[in-house]
N, C-alpha and C. Protein backbone atom coordinates (compact mmCIF):
# COMPACT_ATOMS: atom_id res chain seq x y z
N MET A 1 -88.33 -34.79 23.97
CA MET A 1 -89.45 -34.66 24.54
C MET A 1 -90.36 -34.13 24.18
N PRO A 2 -91.68 -34.82 24.52
CA PRO A 2 -93.24 -34.79 24.14
C PRO A 2 -93.47 -32.87 24.09
N PHE A 3 -94.60 -33.07 23.25
CA PHE A 3 -95.56 -32.00 23.12
C PHE A 3 -95.84 -31.37 24.52
N GLY A 4 -95.57 -30.38 24.98
CA GLY A 4 -95.97 -29.92 25.88
C GLY A 4 -95.11 -30.10 27.24
N GLY A 5 -94.58 -30.93 27.40
CA GLY A 5 -93.64 -31.57 28.20
C GLY A 5 -93.47 -32.17 29.03
N LEU A 6 -93.32 -33.27 29.87
CA LEU A 6 -93.49 -34.01 30.78
C LEU A 6 -94.90 -34.14 31.50
N GLN A 7 -95.52 -33.35 31.93
CA GLN A 7 -96.65 -32.68 32.73
C GLN A 7 -97.93 -33.10 31.69
N THR A 8 -98.03 -33.85 30.38
CA THR A 8 -98.86 -34.49 29.61
C THR A 8 -98.91 -35.53 28.93
N GLY A 9 -100.05 -36.06 28.72
CA GLY A 9 -99.69 -37.28 28.07
C GLY A 9 -101.50 -37.52 27.21
N PRO A 10 -101.07 -38.72 26.92
CA PRO A 10 -102.80 -39.22 26.17
C PRO A 10 -104.23 -38.86 26.13
N SER A 11 -104.48 -37.87 25.76
CA SER A 11 -106.21 -37.81 26.45
C SER A 11 -107.07 -38.66 26.33
N PRO A 12 -107.63 -39.11 27.27
CA PRO A 12 -108.66 -39.86 27.36
C PRO A 12 -110.02 -39.70 26.52
N ALA A 13 -110.04 -38.32 26.07
CA ALA A 13 -111.50 -37.88 25.21
C ALA A 13 -110.89 -37.77 23.73
N ASP A 14 -109.88 -37.23 23.16
CA ASP A 14 -109.18 -36.90 22.27
C ASP A 14 -107.56 -38.01 21.84
N ARG A 15 -107.66 -39.04 21.79
CA ARG A 15 -106.18 -39.12 21.65
C ARG A 15 -105.08 -38.70 20.88
N ALA A 16 -105.68 -37.83 20.22
CA ALA A 16 -105.17 -36.82 19.10
C ALA A 16 -104.52 -35.85 19.91
N ARG A 17 -105.04 -35.38 20.61
CA ARG A 17 -104.32 -34.60 21.77
C ARG A 17 -102.98 -34.77 23.14
N PRO A 18 -101.83 -34.02 22.98
CA PRO A 18 -102.11 -34.18 25.01
C PRO A 18 -102.70 -33.82 25.91
N GLY A 19 -102.56 -34.26 27.16
CA GLY A 19 -103.77 -33.57 28.27
C GLY A 19 -103.27 -33.77 29.00
N SER A 20 -103.65 -32.83 30.28
CA SER A 20 -103.28 -32.94 31.92
C SER A 20 -104.48 -32.85 32.51
N LYS A 21 -103.84 -33.09 34.06
CA LYS A 21 -105.21 -33.36 34.80
C LYS A 21 -104.43 -32.85 35.99
N HIS A 22 -105.03 -32.42 36.66
CA HIS A 22 -105.17 -31.75 38.12
C HIS A 22 -105.19 -32.16 39.27
N HIS A 23 -104.66 -32.33 40.15
CA HIS A 23 -104.78 -33.21 41.30
C HIS A 23 -104.46 -32.11 42.19
N LEU A 24 -105.66 -32.77 43.44
CA LEU A 24 -105.42 -31.75 44.71
C LEU A 24 -105.66 -32.51 46.11
N LEU A 25 -105.49 -31.57 46.81
CA LEU A 25 -105.42 -31.89 48.57
C LEU A 25 -106.25 -31.08 49.21
N THR A 26 -107.02 -31.30 49.72
CA THR A 26 -108.07 -29.93 50.35
C THR A 26 -107.93 -30.43 52.00
N ASP A 27 -108.72 -29.64 52.64
CA ASP A 27 -108.40 -29.56 53.95
C ASP A 27 -110.31 -29.96 54.11
N ALA A 28 -111.25 -29.90 55.32
CA ALA A 28 -112.41 -29.96 55.55
C ALA A 28 -113.60 -28.97 54.70
N THR A 29 -112.64 -27.91 54.85
CA THR A 29 -114.23 -26.63 53.51
C THR A 29 -113.43 -26.64 52.47
N GLY A 30 -112.93 -27.26 51.52
CA GLY A 30 -112.33 -27.27 50.72
C GLY A 30 -111.55 -26.26 50.02
N VAL A 31 -110.88 -25.61 50.99
CA VAL A 31 -109.65 -24.99 51.02
C VAL A 31 -108.52 -26.11 50.30
N PRO A 32 -107.85 -25.36 48.87
CA PRO A 32 -106.75 -25.88 48.09
C PRO A 32 -105.36 -25.94 49.29
N LEU A 33 -104.95 -27.31 49.56
CA LEU A 33 -103.37 -27.20 50.53
C LEU A 33 -102.46 -27.17 49.31
N ALA A 34 -102.55 -28.14 48.41
CA ALA A 34 -101.16 -28.78 47.76
C ALA A 34 -102.03 -29.60 46.47
N VAL A 35 -101.56 -28.06 45.33
CA VAL A 35 -101.65 -29.07 43.81
C VAL A 35 -100.92 -29.82 42.98
N SER A 36 -101.19 -30.02 41.88
CA SER A 36 -100.18 -30.32 41.32
C SER A 36 -100.63 -31.22 39.83
N VAL A 37 -100.15 -30.76 38.36
CA VAL A 37 -100.32 -31.07 37.59
C VAL A 37 -99.30 -31.92 36.90
N ALA A 38 -100.33 -33.82 36.22
CA ALA A 38 -99.70 -34.32 35.69
C ALA A 38 -99.92 -34.67 34.31
N GLY A 39 -99.65 -35.90 33.92
CA GLY A 39 -99.80 -36.35 32.10
C GLY A 39 -101.53 -36.49 32.18
N ALA A 40 -102.31 -36.73 31.22
CA ALA A 40 -103.61 -37.11 31.37
C ALA A 40 -103.71 -38.61 32.01
N LYS A 41 -103.11 -39.56 31.68
CA LYS A 41 -102.72 -40.68 31.91
C LYS A 41 -102.77 -41.54 33.18
N ARG A 42 -102.49 -40.58 34.32
CA ARG A 42 -101.74 -40.35 35.38
C ARG A 42 -102.73 -41.04 36.72
N ASN A 43 -102.23 -42.29 37.16
CA ASN A 43 -103.03 -42.75 38.50
C ASN A 43 -103.00 -41.41 39.02
N ASN A 44 -104.14 -41.85 39.72
CA ASN A 44 -104.60 -40.54 41.26
C ASN A 44 -103.55 -41.53 42.12
N VAL A 45 -103.32 -42.33 42.48
CA VAL A 45 -102.50 -43.23 43.98
C VAL A 45 -101.02 -42.77 43.90
N THR A 46 -100.65 -42.65 41.70
CA THR A 46 -99.16 -42.29 42.39
C THR A 46 -98.82 -41.08 42.42
N GLN A 47 -99.95 -39.82 42.68
CA GLN A 47 -99.60 -38.60 42.48
C GLN A 47 -99.93 -38.12 44.38
N LEU A 48 -100.38 -38.95 44.77
CA LEU A 48 -100.57 -38.90 46.43
C LEU A 48 -99.57 -38.33 47.07
N LEU A 49 -98.68 -38.91 47.42
CA LEU A 49 -97.79 -39.09 48.15
C LEU A 49 -96.88 -37.51 48.23
N PRO A 50 -96.69 -37.33 46.98
CA PRO A 50 -95.89 -36.23 46.28
C PRO A 50 -96.90 -35.11 47.30
N LEU A 51 -98.46 -35.08 46.80
CA LEU A 51 -99.16 -34.48 47.39
C LEU A 51 -98.92 -33.88 48.94
N ILE A 52 -99.32 -35.60 49.31
CA ILE A 52 -99.17 -34.90 51.39
C ILE A 52 -97.71 -34.51 51.11
N ASP A 53 -96.32 -34.85 50.58
CA ASP A 53 -95.31 -34.25 51.29
C ASP A 53 -94.95 -33.03 51.14
N GLY A 54 -96.49 -32.29 50.46
CA GLY A 54 -96.43 -30.36 49.78
C GLY A 54 -96.92 -29.77 50.97
N VAL A 55 -97.34 -30.76 52.58
CA VAL A 55 -98.55 -30.29 53.31
C VAL A 55 -97.69 -30.10 54.22
N ALA A 56 -97.46 -28.89 55.24
CA ALA A 56 -96.61 -28.98 56.41
C ALA A 56 -97.99 -29.51 57.69
N ALA A 57 -96.68 -30.07 58.70
CA ALA A 57 -97.58 -30.72 59.48
C ALA A 57 -98.96 -30.16 60.27
N VAL A 58 -100.02 -31.24 60.66
CA VAL A 58 -100.82 -30.23 60.77
C VAL A 58 -100.74 -30.24 62.38
N THR A 59 -100.75 -28.85 62.93
CA THR A 59 -101.07 -28.85 64.68
C THR A 59 -102.34 -28.68 65.45
N GLY A 60 -102.20 -28.90 66.64
CA GLY A 60 -104.30 -29.11 67.24
C GLY A 60 -103.94 -30.16 68.27
N ASN A 61 -104.87 -30.30 68.58
CA ASN A 61 -105.30 -31.09 69.89
C ASN A 61 -104.93 -32.95 69.25
N VAL A 62 -104.14 -33.61 69.45
CA VAL A 62 -104.09 -35.13 69.17
C VAL A 62 -105.44 -35.85 69.31
N GLY A 63 -105.85 -36.67 68.45
CA GLY A 63 -106.62 -37.62 68.92
C GLY A 63 -107.86 -38.06 67.38
N ARG A 64 -108.68 -38.59 67.31
CA ARG A 64 -109.63 -38.72 66.60
C ARG A 64 -110.06 -37.71 65.58
N PRO A 65 -110.68 -37.77 64.42
CA PRO A 65 -110.80 -36.34 63.84
C PRO A 65 -112.44 -36.68 64.13
N ARG A 66 -112.73 -35.19 64.73
CA ARG A 66 -114.59 -35.46 64.85
C ARG A 66 -115.47 -36.13 63.92
N GLN A 67 -115.47 -35.85 62.34
CA GLN A 67 -115.50 -36.36 61.32
C GLN A 67 -115.39 -36.19 60.23
N ARG A 68 -114.99 -37.02 59.19
CA ARG A 68 -114.54 -37.77 58.42
C ARG A 68 -114.59 -36.73 56.91
N ALA A 69 -113.80 -36.36 56.49
CA ALA A 69 -113.38 -34.95 55.37
C ALA A 69 -113.97 -36.32 53.83
N GLU A 70 -114.94 -36.36 53.75
CA GLU A 70 -115.84 -36.69 52.19
C GLU A 70 -114.87 -36.25 50.78
N ARG A 71 -114.97 -37.10 49.98
CA ARG A 71 -114.34 -36.49 48.53
C ARG A 71 -115.28 -36.01 47.65
N TRP A 72 -116.42 -35.53 48.10
CA TRP A 72 -116.89 -34.54 47.41
C TRP A 72 -116.45 -33.24 47.67
N ILE A 73 -115.94 -32.96 49.00
CA ILE A 73 -115.68 -31.69 48.89
C ILE A 73 -114.50 -31.37 48.05
N VAL A 74 -113.30 -32.55 47.34
CA VAL A 74 -112.34 -32.26 46.84
C VAL A 74 -112.94 -32.26 45.33
N GLU A 75 -114.18 -32.79 45.44
CA GLU A 75 -114.58 -32.60 43.70
C GLU A 75 -115.40 -31.83 43.41
N ARG A 76 -115.69 -30.87 44.75
CA ARG A 76 -116.43 -29.53 44.55
C ARG A 76 -115.49 -28.12 44.63
N THR A 77 -114.48 -28.50 45.14
CA THR A 77 -112.92 -27.23 44.90
C THR A 77 -112.36 -27.85 43.26
N LEU A 78 -112.82 -28.86 42.80
CA LEU A 78 -112.12 -29.24 41.39
C LEU A 78 -112.90 -28.50 40.22
N ALA A 79 -114.31 -28.85 40.61
CA ALA A 79 -115.11 -27.74 40.16
C ALA A 79 -115.26 -26.71 39.56
N TRP A 80 -114.47 -25.79 41.19
CA TRP A 80 -114.93 -23.98 41.27
C TRP A 80 -113.95 -24.11 40.27
N LEU A 81 -112.55 -24.44 40.54
CA LEU A 81 -111.53 -24.44 39.55
C LEU A 81 -111.78 -24.77 38.42
N HIS A 82 -112.40 -25.83 37.84
CA HIS A 82 -112.87 -25.67 36.29
C HIS A 82 -113.46 -24.75 36.13
N ASN A 83 -114.28 -23.69 36.84
CA ASN A 83 -115.23 -23.08 36.06
C ASN A 83 -114.48 -21.90 35.24
N LEU A 84 -113.08 -21.79 35.91
CA LEU A 84 -112.27 -20.57 35.42
C LEU A 84 -111.81 -21.28 33.57
N ARG A 85 -112.06 -21.05 32.41
CA ARG A 85 -111.41 -21.11 31.54
C ARG A 85 -110.64 -22.10 30.85
N ARG A 86 -109.22 -21.01 31.52
CA ARG A 86 -108.10 -21.21 31.47
C ARG A 86 -107.56 -22.69 31.83
N LEU A 87 -108.48 -23.18 33.01
CA LEU A 87 -108.23 -23.97 33.67
C LEU A 87 -109.01 -25.45 33.34
N ARG A 88 -110.22 -25.12 32.47
CA ARG A 88 -110.76 -26.58 32.20
C ARG A 88 -109.81 -27.02 30.61
N THR A 89 -109.16 -25.78 29.80
CA THR A 89 -108.69 -26.68 28.65
C THR A 89 -107.37 -26.20 28.61
N ARG A 90 -106.49 -26.84 28.24
CA ARG A 90 -105.00 -27.02 28.41
C ARG A 90 -104.62 -26.17 27.12
N TYR A 91 -104.58 -24.94 27.32
CA TYR A 91 -104.20 -23.88 25.86
C TYR A 91 -101.91 -23.86 25.79
N GLU A 92 -101.74 -23.99 27.09
CA GLU A 92 -100.00 -23.61 27.12
C GLU A 92 -99.02 -25.05 26.30
N ARG A 93 -98.20 -24.07 25.85
CA ARG A 93 -97.08 -25.87 25.39
C ARG A 93 -95.93 -25.63 26.78
N ARG A 94 -95.65 -24.69 27.52
CA ARG A 94 -94.49 -24.40 28.05
C ARG A 94 -95.45 -25.59 29.16
N PRO A 95 -94.23 -25.87 29.96
CA PRO A 95 -95.09 -26.74 31.17
C PRO A 95 -95.22 -26.25 32.73
N GLU A 96 -94.08 -25.30 32.45
CA GLU A 96 -94.71 -24.64 34.13
C GLU A 96 -95.81 -23.73 33.83
N LEU A 97 -96.44 -23.71 32.99
CA LEU A 97 -97.33 -22.17 32.60
C LEU A 97 -98.92 -23.04 33.38
N PRO A 98 -99.38 -24.33 33.04
CA PRO A 98 -100.14 -24.82 33.68
C PRO A 98 -100.51 -24.75 35.07
N LEU A 99 -99.49 -25.14 35.57
CA LEU A 99 -99.68 -25.36 37.13
C LEU A 99 -98.90 -23.31 37.85
N ALA A 100 -98.62 -22.96 37.07
CA ALA A 100 -98.76 -21.48 37.55
C ALA A 100 -100.40 -20.85 37.40
N PHE A 101 -101.16 -21.18 36.32
CA PHE A 101 -102.35 -20.67 36.44
C PHE A 101 -103.49 -21.91 37.19
N LEU A 102 -103.33 -22.46 37.73
CA LEU A 102 -103.30 -24.14 38.66
C LEU A 102 -103.33 -23.38 39.82
N ARG A 103 -102.33 -22.72 40.47
CA ARG A 103 -101.99 -21.94 41.44
C ARG A 103 -102.63 -20.74 42.13
N LEU A 104 -102.73 -19.93 40.63
CA LEU A 104 -103.74 -18.79 40.39
C LEU A 104 -105.14 -18.82 40.77
N GLY A 105 -105.74 -20.03 40.15
CA GLY A 105 -107.16 -20.43 40.21
C GLY A 105 -107.60 -20.72 41.68
N CYS A 106 -106.30 -21.07 42.32
CA CYS A 106 -106.47 -21.71 44.11
C CYS A 106 -106.79 -20.20 45.06
N ALA A 107 -106.04 -19.16 44.59
CA ALA A 107 -106.21 -17.85 45.00
C ALA A 107 -106.99 -16.90 44.97
N VAL A 108 -107.51 -17.38 43.55
CA VAL A 108 -109.33 -16.85 43.44
C VAL A 108 -110.27 -17.70 43.90
N VAL A 109 -110.43 -18.89 43.88
CA VAL A 109 -111.12 -19.96 44.89
C VAL A 109 -111.18 -19.45 46.64
N CYS A 110 -110.35 -19.40 46.84
CA CYS A 110 -109.93 -18.41 48.45
C CYS A 110 -110.15 -17.42 48.50
N GLN A 111 -110.81 -17.00 48.02
CA GLN A 111 -111.17 -15.52 48.75
C GLN A 111 -112.69 -15.68 48.99
N PRO A 112 -112.47 -14.95 49.76
CA PRO A 112 -113.94 -14.59 50.55
C PRO A 112 -115.20 -14.51 49.52
N MET A 113 -116.34 -14.48 49.71
CA MET A 113 -117.71 -14.49 48.78
C MET A 113 -118.00 -13.05 48.92
N PRO A 114 -118.51 -12.04 48.05
CA PRO A 114 -118.57 -10.69 48.67
C PRO A 114 -120.44 -10.58 49.35
N ALA A 115 -120.44 -10.05 49.90
CA ALA A 115 -121.77 -10.11 50.58
C ALA A 115 -122.69 -10.00 49.98
N TRP A 116 -123.79 -9.80 49.65
CA TRP A 116 -124.76 -9.29 49.07
C TRP A 116 -125.85 -8.82 49.51
N ASP A 117 -126.24 -7.67 49.51
CA ASP A 117 -126.77 -6.60 50.15
C ASP A 117 -127.79 -6.43 49.79
């Protein structure tokens, strides 16, 4: 088994170290609905179906959405998550810890912003 488990792969930035990649599915406002951690060289398309399967069915009116969610919303949420130092660089060797920290980071991102008086 490779160092760091099956959730690591060769890092595109530093080929000597294994790395991991965060995959994220959000709603239109940027709230994370499903997250996963995979090896650094994994394609995003291969991780899409497991993310979609992890989300419950959407209830509400049937029909076309009023507006399309854009990709920058997901990128913004990933930027919020990577502002947390523990998620930006992988320090853990055990494979279950990065997913736990990613889920904890999602809980921090979902907290409402304090009102500045």
